């Protein structure tokens, strides 16, 4: 399997030696290699509140930072009851010997205050405990008190990037379909939340069925399909205002499965007319559409490459649903899936190197990844029903829908690392399906 999909090697760990006897000659860094090693142990004491106005923000921010880091599967928090040293001031010297004694290889400390304008001010530092030094310079973040969770995600993003060298993804959101009611009368509406399931808000009501929301490249708009007119129609919704408009469509046709191009000005989608389903591209500003495929088969679920030059999509032109790639302007398509089973819902990785997909084979559903030429296929999950992958902003994690077997058939959101490890359920207050991960927030 490609090196970027391989498991984690914590460079500072020397196999076969007790933790207390480990030494390290290089800087603290998690490297992506072929080894499978235990997560890097770290400590994050409660951030120190510099004033009474800071209240519980210090404790709460530290808990979100710890949840973000430990949730990756790359890091293991050392619990507070194991701490020897106590951090009572952000400016106090670090007692590295006390942290080294409990094998904390990274230490995160912070301070929290509320300024005269009522803004929340958060400072933090990251230390390499075994080297006895700070990693880079400490940072200060300022935001609203209501936005304390977002500040916490930004702190975790900084720590994650410094320790892995990879792009961050915690300060991001997910739009999804919230599902309520019994299976035979299910209500579906659009909802948006932080990547970890917090701060849920609803973008549409439950008056009509909505499907397949998709974020714009800048995260300010969402495309989705609605059946409120009786036929599937594509809408574009402004996330901040929840204002929306329907994209132009032809009478007697059905349009669905939309997705933005990387430039944010073009939408590619499926349109069914006269019993045939093909791919079309529309300029959002002018409403002008052009046909991309002309085949007596079903073409759907298109997704652009990050550079906008190609589109991967699902087609049954070979007799069963398979994955194909063609130029963004249309033209000859090349099949890339050749394993046993049925393939669908392909999504190009933000890194451009992998395509995630849904696969149905031998009565099971899987989320998988393959290279853009179809090689090195790897199945990451298996269950009664897994479908609809979406990529984290850094291309490291995939979120998808999992439905349980039974009369109720509740749908939930799950995430998995591209190694196939660290499968986790994303907490939601209702049933949830069709996730779409935003880019990092600005």
Foldseek 3Di string as FASTA:
>chain_A
DDQVLAEKDFQQDDPPDPLLPTDDDDDGAIERGNDHDQAAEAEEPQAAEPDVVCPRLSVVLSVLLQCVVVLVRRYDYDDPVQQPDDDHDPPDQDPLVRCSVSSHQKYKYKYWYQDPVRKIKIKMWMDRSNVRGTQDDIDIDIGHPVCSSLVSQVVSQVVVCSHYVFHGFQQWKKKWWFWDDFPVDIFTFIWMAGPQAPDIDTLDDRPWDKDFWAAAQQRQKIWIWTCPVVATWIKIAGPVVSDIDTQDDDPQKHWGQWYAANVRQKIWTWMDHPNAIFIWMAGRVVSDIDTADDDRWHWGQWEAQNVRQKIKTWICRVPATFIWMDTNNHDDIDTQADDPFHWHNWYAFNVRFKIWIWTDDPQWIFIWIAGPNNPPIDTLDIDNDWGAWEAGQRRFKIKTWDFDDDRRRAIFIWMAGSNSPSIGTRDYPGGIHNMYMHHRHD
